Amino acid sequence: MSAHEPPEAYYLIGIVAELAGMHPQTLRLYERRGLLRPYRTAGKTRRYSDEDLAVLRRIQELSEEGLNLAGIERVLGLERTIAEVEAHLAELTQQLSNERQMHREELAQTRRSMRSEVVLVTRTETALVPIRHTMNRDRGR
């Protein structure tokens, strides 16, 4: 979700601060540092989503592990990058799977068409001459 799209479910800063066990000023600090990007109404009121609340919980976990804000920023950035790469990899994997299936179908079609007609080449005194034979489909399998 972007900061420009209204969240389906949202919380005001006081509610989120209470749910996260943080002071509202801490949330504002995290927003200034770019760790959070709450939706803003036309009147500039912050609206926090469930996703924002999950980020706050992740920040708390990292802080409890001893990371400072710079470290937390780095970890969250790397986690976002990993998620983007994984999503891109999933897209590429699906694309590859689709292309493999298409090639399998083309190969099967080519094999079917090759079974119905066989071209034999024999040598005459002066040239190679193709002789066309239609094979029984059951014999070719």
N, C-alpha and C. Protein backbone atom coordinates (compact mmCIF):
# COMPACT_ATOMS: atom_id res chain seq x y z
N MET A 1 0.85 -1.18 0.00
CA MET A 1 0.00 0.00 0.00
C MET A 1 0.89 1.23 0.00
N SER A 2 0.51 2.23 -0.78
CA SER A 2 1.31 3.45 -0.79
C SER A 2 0.75 4.46 0.20
N ALA A 3 1.53 5.48 0.47
CA ALA A 3 1.10 6.50 1.41
C ALA A 3 -0.02 7.35 0.83
N HIS A 4 -0.32 7.18 -0.46
CA HIS A 4 -1.35 7.99 -1.12
C HIS A 4 -2.68 7.27 -1.22
N GLU A 5 -2.71 5.99 -0.92
CA GLU A 5 -3.94 5.22 -0.98
C GLU A 5 -4.50 5.06 0.43
N PRO A 6 -5.78 5.34 0.60
CA PRO A 6 -6.33 5.17 1.95
C PRO A 6 -6.39 3.70 2.34
N PRO A 7 -5.99 3.36 3.54
CA PRO A 7 -6.07 1.96 3.98
C PRO A 7 -7.52 1.55 4.18
N GLU A 8 -7.79 0.26 4.03
CA GLU A 8 -9.15 -0.22 4.23
C GLU A 8 -9.51 -0.13 5.71
N ALA A 9 -8.59 -0.51 6.56
CA ALA A 9 -8.78 -0.37 8.00
C ALA A 9 -7.68 0.56 8.49
N TYR A 10 -8.02 1.50 9.32
CA TYR A 10 -7.00 2.44 9.77
C TYR A 10 -7.20 2.79 11.23
N TYR A 11 -6.10 3.30 11.80
CA TYR A 11 -6.10 3.71 13.20
C TYR A 11 -5.50 5.10 13.30
N LEU A 12 -5.97 5.85 14.26
CA LEU A 12 -5.37 7.15 14.54
C LEU A 12 -4.10 6.94 15.35
N ILE A 13 -3.26 7.95 15.40
CA ILE A 13 -1.94 7.82 16.02
C ILE A 13 -2.02 7.39 17.48
N GLY A 14 -3.01 7.90 18.22
CA GLY A 14 -3.13 7.53 19.64
C GLY A 14 -3.44 6.06 19.83
N ILE A 15 -4.29 5.52 18.97
CA ILE A 15 -4.65 4.10 19.05
C ILE A 15 -3.46 3.22 18.71
N VAL A 16 -2.76 3.59 17.63
CA VAL A 16 -1.59 2.80 17.22
C VAL A 16 -0.51 2.85 18.29
N ALA A 17 -0.29 4.03 18.85
CA ALA A 17 0.72 4.17 19.91
C ALA A 17 0.37 3.25 21.08
N GLU A 18 -0.89 3.21 21.43
CA GLU A 18 -1.33 2.35 22.53
C GLU A 18 -1.17 0.87 22.17
N LEU A 19 -1.60 0.50 20.96
CA LEU A 19 -1.49 -0.90 20.53
C LEU A 19 -0.03 -1.35 20.47
N ALA A 20 0.85 -0.45 20.06
CA ALA A 20 2.27 -0.79 19.93
C ALA A 20 3.03 -0.58 21.23
N GLY A 21 2.41 0.05 22.21
CA GLY A 21 3.09 0.31 23.46
C GLY A 21 4.18 1.37 23.31
N MET A 22 3.92 2.36 22.48
CA MET A 22 4.89 3.42 22.21
C MET A 22 4.24 4.78 22.41
N HIS A 23 5.06 5.78 22.55
CA HIS A 23 4.58 7.15 22.65
C HIS A 23 4.31 7.66 21.22
N PRO A 24 3.27 8.48 21.03
CA PRO A 24 3.00 9.04 19.69
C PRO A 24 4.20 9.76 19.08
N GLN A 25 5.03 10.38 19.93
CA GLN A 25 6.23 11.06 19.40
C GLN A 25 7.19 10.06 18.76
N THR A 26 7.23 8.85 19.30
CA THR A 26 8.09 7.81 18.72
C THR A 26 7.60 7.47 17.32
N LEU A 27 6.29 7.40 17.15
CA LEU A 27 5.73 7.13 15.82
C LEU A 27 6.09 8.24 14.84
N ARG A 28 6.01 9.47 15.31
CA ARG A 28 6.37 10.61 14.46
C ARG A 28 7.85 10.55 14.07
N LEU A 29 8.69 10.16 15.03
CA LEU A 29 10.13 10.02 14.75
C LEU A 29 10.35 8.94 13.68
N TYR A 30 9.69 7.81 13.84
CA TYR A 30 9.83 6.73 12.86
C TYR A 30 9.36 7.19 11.48
N GLU A 31 8.32 8.01 11.45
CA GLU A 31 7.85 8.53 10.17
C GLU A 31 8.90 9.47 9.56
N ARG A 32 9.48 10.35 10.37
CA ARG A 32 10.53 11.25 9.87
C ARG A 32 11.72 10.48 9.33
N ARG A 33 12.05 9.37 9.97
CA ARG A 33 13.18 8.54 9.54
C ARG A 33 12.84 7.67 8.34
N GLY A 34 11.57 7.65 7.95
CA GLY A 34 11.16 6.86 6.79
C GLY A 34 10.83 5.42 7.09
N LEU A 35 10.76 5.07 8.37
CA LEU A 35 10.43 3.70 8.75
C LEU A 35 8.95 3.41 8.57
N LEU A 36 8.13 4.43 8.70
CA LEU A 36 6.68 4.32 8.53
C LEU A 36 6.23 5.35 7.50
N ARG A 37 5.20 5.00 6.78
CA ARG A 37 4.61 5.95 5.83
C ARG A 37 3.09 5.86 5.94
N PRO A 38 2.53 6.42 7.01
CA PRO A 38 1.08 6.33 7.16
C PRO A 38 0.37 7.16 6.09
N TYR A 39 -0.84 6.75 5.80
CA TYR A 39 -1.68 7.51 4.88
C TYR A 39 -2.02 8.84 5.54
N ARG A 40 -2.09 9.88 4.73
CA ARG A 40 -2.47 11.20 5.25
C ARG A 40 -3.77 11.63 4.58
N THR A 41 -4.71 12.10 5.38
CA THR A 41 -5.96 12.62 4.84
C THR A 41 -5.71 14.00 4.25
N ALA A 42 -6.73 14.57 3.62
CA ALA A 42 -6.61 15.92 3.06
C ALA A 42 -6.26 16.92 4.16
N GLY A 43 -6.72 16.66 5.39
CA GLY A 43 -6.42 17.53 6.52
C GLY A 43 -5.10 17.19 7.20
N LYS A 44 -4.30 16.31 6.58
CA LYS A 44 -2.97 15.91 7.06
C LYS A 44 -3.00 15.01 8.30
N THR A 45 -4.15 14.42 8.61
CA THR A 45 -4.24 13.50 9.74
C THR A 45 -3.62 12.16 9.34
N ARG A 46 -2.82 11.60 10.22
CA ARG A 46 -2.20 10.30 9.95
C ARG A 46 -3.21 9.19 10.15
N ARG A 47 -3.19 8.24 9.23
CA ARG A 47 -4.04 7.05 9.33
C ARG A 47 -3.12 5.84 9.18
N TYR A 48 -3.01 5.06 10.24
CA TYR A 48 -2.13 3.91 10.25
C TYR A 48 -2.91 2.65 9.90
N SER A 49 -2.30 1.79 9.09
CA SER A 49 -2.94 0.54 8.67
C SER A 49 -2.43 -0.62 9.51
N ASP A 50 -3.00 -1.79 9.28
CA ASP A 50 -2.51 -3.01 9.93
C ASP A 50 -1.07 -3.29 9.50
N GLU A 51 -0.75 -2.96 8.26
CA GLU A 51 0.62 -3.13 7.77
C GLU A 51 1.59 -2.24 8.56
N ASP A 52 1.17 -1.00 8.83
CA ASP A 52 2.00 -0.09 9.63
C ASP A 52 2.20 -0.66 11.03
N LEU A 53 1.16 -1.22 11.58
CA LEU A 53 1.24 -1.81 12.92
C LEU A 53 2.22 -2.99 12.91
N ALA A 54 2.20 -3.78 11.85
CA ALA A 54 3.14 -4.90 11.73
C ALA A 54 4.58 -4.38 11.65
N VAL A 55 4.80 -3.28 10.93
CA VAL A 55 6.14 -2.69 10.84
C VAL A 55 6.58 -2.22 12.23
N LEU A 56 5.68 -1.60 12.98
CA LEU A 56 6.03 -1.16 14.33
C LEU A 56 6.43 -2.33 15.22
N ARG A 57 5.72 -3.43 15.08
CA ARG A 57 6.07 -4.61 15.88
C ARG A 57 7.44 -5.16 15.47
N ARG A 58 7.74 -5.11 14.16
CA ARG A 58 9.05 -5.55 13.68
C ARG A 58 10.15 -4.63 14.21
N ILE A 59 9.87 -3.33 14.23
CA ILE A 59 10.83 -2.36 14.78
C ILE A 59 11.11 -2.68 16.25
N GLN A 60 10.05 -2.99 17.00
CA GLN A 60 10.22 -3.34 18.41
C GLN A 60 11.09 -4.58 18.57
N GLU A 61 10.84 -5.61 17.74
CA GLU A 61 11.64 -6.84 17.81
C GLU A 61 13.12 -6.53 17.58
N LEU A 62 13.38 -5.76 16.53
CA LEU A 62 14.77 -5.45 16.20
C LEU A 62 15.43 -4.60 17.29
N SER A 63 14.65 -3.70 17.86
CA SER A 63 15.17 -2.86 18.94
C SER A 63 15.50 -3.71 20.17
N GLU A 64 14.63 -4.66 20.48
CA GLU A 64 14.86 -5.55 21.62
C GLU A 64 16.08 -6.44 21.39
N GLU A 65 16.43 -6.69 20.11
CA GLU A 65 17.62 -7.48 19.79
C GLU A 65 18.89 -6.63 19.87
N GLY A 66 18.72 -5.33 20.15
CA GLY A 66 19.87 -4.47 20.36
C GLY A 66 20.25 -3.58 19.19
N LEU A 67 19.45 -3.54 18.15
CA LEU A 67 19.77 -2.69 17.00
C LEU A 67 19.36 -1.25 17.29
N ASN A 68 20.18 -0.32 16.81
CA ASN A 68 19.81 1.09 16.91
C ASN A 68 18.96 1.45 15.68
N LEU A 69 18.50 2.70 15.59
CA LEU A 69 17.62 3.08 14.48
C LEU A 69 18.29 2.91 13.12
N ALA A 70 19.58 3.22 13.03
CA ALA A 70 20.28 3.03 11.75
C ALA A 70 20.28 1.56 11.35
N GLY A 71 20.52 0.69 12.30
CA GLY A 71 20.50 -0.75 12.03
C GLY A 71 19.12 -1.23 11.64
N ILE A 72 18.11 -0.72 12.34
CA ILE A 72 16.73 -1.08 12.04
C ILE A 72 16.36 -0.63 10.63
N GLU A 73 16.76 0.60 10.27
CA GLU A 73 16.49 1.09 8.92
C GLU A 73 17.11 0.17 7.88
N ARG A 74 18.35 -0.24 8.14
CA ARG A 74 19.07 -1.11 7.20
C ARG A 74 18.37 -2.46 7.09
N VAL A 75 18.01 -3.06 8.21
CA VAL A 75 17.35 -4.37 8.20
C VAL A 75 16.01 -4.29 7.48
N LEU A 76 15.20 -3.27 7.78
CA LEU A 76 13.90 -3.14 7.12
C LEU A 76 14.08 -2.92 5.62
N GLY A 77 15.09 -2.14 5.24
CA GLY A 77 15.36 -1.93 3.82
C GLY A 77 15.75 -3.23 3.13
N LEU A 78 16.59 -4.00 3.79
CA LEU A 78 17.00 -5.29 3.22
C LEU A 78 15.82 -6.26 3.14
N GLU A 79 14.97 -6.26 4.15
CA GLU A 79 13.79 -7.13 4.12
C GLU A 79 12.85 -6.74 2.98
N ARG A 80 12.70 -5.42 2.75
CA ARG A 80 11.87 -4.97 1.61
C ARG A 80 12.49 -5.42 0.29
N THR A 81 13.81 -5.29 0.19
CA THR A 81 14.50 -5.70 -1.04
C THR A 81 14.34 -7.19 -1.27
N ILE A 82 14.49 -7.98 -0.22
CA ILE A 82 14.32 -9.43 -0.33
C ILE A 82 12.91 -9.76 -0.79
N ALA A 83 11.91 -9.10 -0.21
CA ALA A 83 10.52 -9.36 -0.60
C ALA A 83 10.30 -9.01 -2.08
N GLU A 84 10.88 -7.91 -2.54
CA GLU A 84 10.74 -7.52 -3.95
C GLU A 84 11.42 -8.54 -4.85
N VAL A 85 12.62 -8.99 -4.47
CA VAL A 85 13.34 -9.96 -5.28
C VAL A 85 12.58 -11.29 -5.31
N GLU A 86 12.03 -11.69 -4.17
CA GLU A 86 11.26 -12.94 -4.13
C GLU A 86 10.01 -12.84 -5.02
N ALA A 87 9.35 -11.68 -5.01
CA ALA A 87 8.18 -11.50 -5.86
C ALA A 87 8.58 -11.55 -7.34
N HIS A 88 9.70 -10.91 -7.67
CA HIS A 88 10.18 -10.93 -9.05
C HIS A 88 10.57 -12.35 -9.46
N LEU A 89 11.22 -13.07 -8.56
CA LEU A 89 11.60 -14.45 -8.83
C LEU A 89 10.36 -15.31 -9.06
N ALA A 90 9.32 -15.10 -8.28
CA ALA A 90 8.08 -15.86 -8.45
C ALA A 90 7.48 -15.58 -9.83
N GLU A 91 7.52 -14.31 -10.25
CA GLU A 91 7.01 -13.96 -11.59
C GLU A 91 7.82 -14.65 -12.67
N LEU A 92 9.15 -14.61 -12.55
CA LEU A 92 10.01 -15.24 -13.54
C LEU A 92 9.82 -16.76 -13.56
N THR A 93 9.64 -17.35 -12.39
CA THR A 93 9.41 -18.79 -12.30
C THR A 93 8.11 -19.16 -13.00
N GLN A 94 7.08 -18.36 -12.80
CA GLN A 94 5.80 -18.62 -13.46
C GLN A 94 5.93 -18.45 -14.97
N GLN A 95 6.65 -17.43 -15.39
CA GLN A 95 6.87 -17.19 -16.82
C GLN A 95 7.63 -18.36 -17.44
N LEU A 96 8.66 -18.82 -16.76
CA LEU A 96 9.44 -19.97 -17.24
C LEU A 96 8.57 -21.21 -17.34
N SER A 97 7.76 -21.44 -16.34
CA SER A 97 6.86 -22.59 -16.34
C SER A 97 5.89 -22.52 -17.52
N ASN A 98 5.34 -21.33 -17.77
CA ASN A 98 4.42 -21.15 -18.90
C ASN A 98 5.13 -21.43 -20.23
N GLU A 99 6.35 -20.91 -20.36
CA GLU A 99 7.11 -21.11 -21.59
C GLU A 99 7.48 -22.58 -21.78
N ARG A 100 7.85 -23.26 -20.70
CA ARG A 100 8.15 -24.69 -20.79
C ARG A 100 6.93 -25.47 -21.27
N GLN A 101 5.78 -25.14 -20.71
CA GLN A 101 4.55 -25.82 -21.10
C GLN A 101 4.25 -25.56 -22.57
N MET A 102 4.44 -24.33 -23.02
CA MET A 102 4.20 -24.00 -24.41
C MET A 102 5.15 -24.80 -25.32
N HIS A 103 6.43 -24.89 -24.92
CA HIS A 103 7.39 -25.65 -25.72
C HIS A 103 7.07 -27.14 -25.71
N ARG A 104 6.61 -27.67 -24.59
CA ARG A 104 6.21 -29.09 -24.53
C ARG A 104 5.06 -29.35 -25.49
N GLU A 105 4.09 -28.43 -25.49
CA GLU A 105 2.95 -28.59 -26.40
C GLU A 105 3.39 -28.51 -27.86
N GLU A 106 4.31 -27.59 -28.17
CA GLU A 106 4.82 -27.48 -29.53
C GLU A 106 5.57 -28.75 -29.92
N LEU A 107 6.38 -29.27 -29.01
CA LEU A 107 7.13 -30.49 -29.27
C LEU A 107 6.18 -31.67 -29.49
N ALA A 108 5.16 -31.78 -28.67
CA ALA A 108 4.18 -32.86 -28.82
C ALA A 108 3.47 -32.74 -30.17
N GLN A 109 3.12 -31.54 -30.56
CA GLN A 109 2.47 -31.32 -31.85
C GLN A 109 3.41 -31.71 -32.98
N THR A 110 4.67 -31.33 -32.87
CA THR A 110 5.66 -31.68 -33.89
C THR A 110 5.82 -33.19 -33.98
N ARG A 111 5.88 -33.85 -32.84
CA ARG A 111 6.00 -35.32 -32.83
C ARG A 111 4.79 -35.98 -33.46
N ARG A 112 3.60 -35.46 -33.14
CA ARG A 112 2.38 -36.03 -33.73
C ARG A 112 2.41 -35.88 -35.25
N SER A 113 2.82 -34.72 -35.71
CA SER A 113 2.84 -34.50 -37.16
C SER A 113 3.92 -35.36 -37.82
N MET A 114 5.01 -35.63 -37.13
CA MET A 114 6.08 -36.47 -37.69
C MET A 114 5.65 -37.92 -37.77
N ARG A 115 4.78 -38.37 -36.89
CA ARG A 115 4.32 -39.76 -36.89
C ARG A 115 3.40 -40.04 -38.06
N SER A 116 2.70 -39.04 -38.52
CA SER A 116 1.73 -39.28 -39.58
C SER A 116 2.38 -39.39 -40.94
N GLU A 117 3.55 -38.84 -41.13
CA GLU A 117 4.21 -38.92 -42.43
C GLU A 117 5.71 -39.07 -42.22
N VAL A 118 6.29 -40.04 -42.88
CA VAL A 118 7.71 -40.27 -42.79
C VAL A 118 8.30 -40.09 -44.19
N VAL A 119 9.38 -39.39 -44.24
CA VAL A 119 10.05 -39.21 -45.52
C VAL A 119 11.30 -40.07 -45.50
N LEU A 120 11.34 -41.03 -46.43
CA LEU A 120 12.51 -41.88 -46.57
C LEU A 120 13.33 -41.35 -47.74
N VAL A 121 14.59 -41.35 -47.58
CA VAL A 121 15.45 -40.89 -48.65
C VAL A 121 16.27 -42.08 -49.13
N THR A 122 16.21 -42.32 -50.42
CA THR A 122 17.00 -43.41 -51.00
C THR A 122 17.95 -42.83 -52.01
N ARG A 123 18.99 -43.56 -52.27
CA ARG A 123 20.00 -43.11 -53.23
C ARG A 123 19.75 -43.83 -54.56
N THR A 124 19.61 -43.02 -55.57
CA THR A 124 19.59 -43.58 -56.92
C THR A 124 20.97 -43.37 -57.50
N GLU A 125 21.09 -43.65 -58.71
CA GLU A 125 22.41 -43.52 -59.31
C GLU A 125 22.93 -42.09 -59.28
N THR A 126 22.03 -41.11 -59.38
CA THR A 126 22.51 -39.74 -59.49
C THR A 126 22.05 -38.79 -58.39
N ALA A 127 21.03 -39.15 -57.59
CA ALA A 127 20.53 -38.19 -56.62
C ALA A 127 19.84 -38.90 -55.45
N LEU A 128 19.65 -38.12 -54.39
CA LEU A 128 18.84 -38.60 -53.26
C LEU A 128 17.39 -38.27 -53.59
N VAL A 129 16.51 -39.25 -53.50
CA VAL A 129 15.12 -39.05 -53.87
C VAL A 129 14.25 -39.33 -52.65
N PRO A 130 13.43 -38.35 -52.21
CA PRO A 130 12.52 -38.62 -51.08
C PRO A 130 11.36 -39.50 -51.51
N ILE A 131 11.02 -40.45 -50.67
CA ILE A 131 9.87 -41.30 -50.89
C ILE A 131 8.96 -41.09 -49.70
N ARG A 132 7.75 -40.65 -49.92
CA ARG A 132 6.82 -40.36 -48.83
C ARG A 132 5.98 -41.60 -48.52
N HIS A 133 5.90 -41.91 -47.23
CA HIS A 133 5.07 -43.01 -46.76
C HIS A 133 4.20 -42.49 -45.63
N THR A 134 2.96 -42.88 -45.60
CA THR A 134 2.09 -42.55 -44.48
C THR A 134 2.08 -43.75 -43.57
N MET A 135 2.43 -43.51 -42.30
CA MET A 135 2.50 -44.61 -41.35
C MET A 135 1.19 -44.76 -40.61
N ASN A 136 0.92 -45.98 -40.20
CA ASN A 136 -0.22 -46.23 -39.34
C ASN A 136 0.10 -45.60 -37.99
N ARG A 137 -0.78 -44.80 -37.43
CA ARG A 137 -0.52 -44.09 -36.17
C ARG A 137 -0.17 -45.06 -35.03
N ASP A 138 -0.77 -46.23 -35.01
CA ASP A 138 -0.51 -47.18 -33.93
C ASP A 138 0.91 -47.76 -34.04
N ARG A 139 1.41 -47.95 -35.25
CA ARG A 139 2.74 -48.51 -35.43
C ARG A 139 3.82 -47.53 -34.99
N GLY A 140 3.58 -46.22 -35.12
CA GLY A 140 4.60 -45.23 -34.82
C GLY A 140 4.79 -44.97 -33.33
N ARG A 141 3.99 -45.56 -32.51
CA ARG A 141 4.07 -45.28 -31.06
C ARG A 141 4.88 -46.26 -30.32
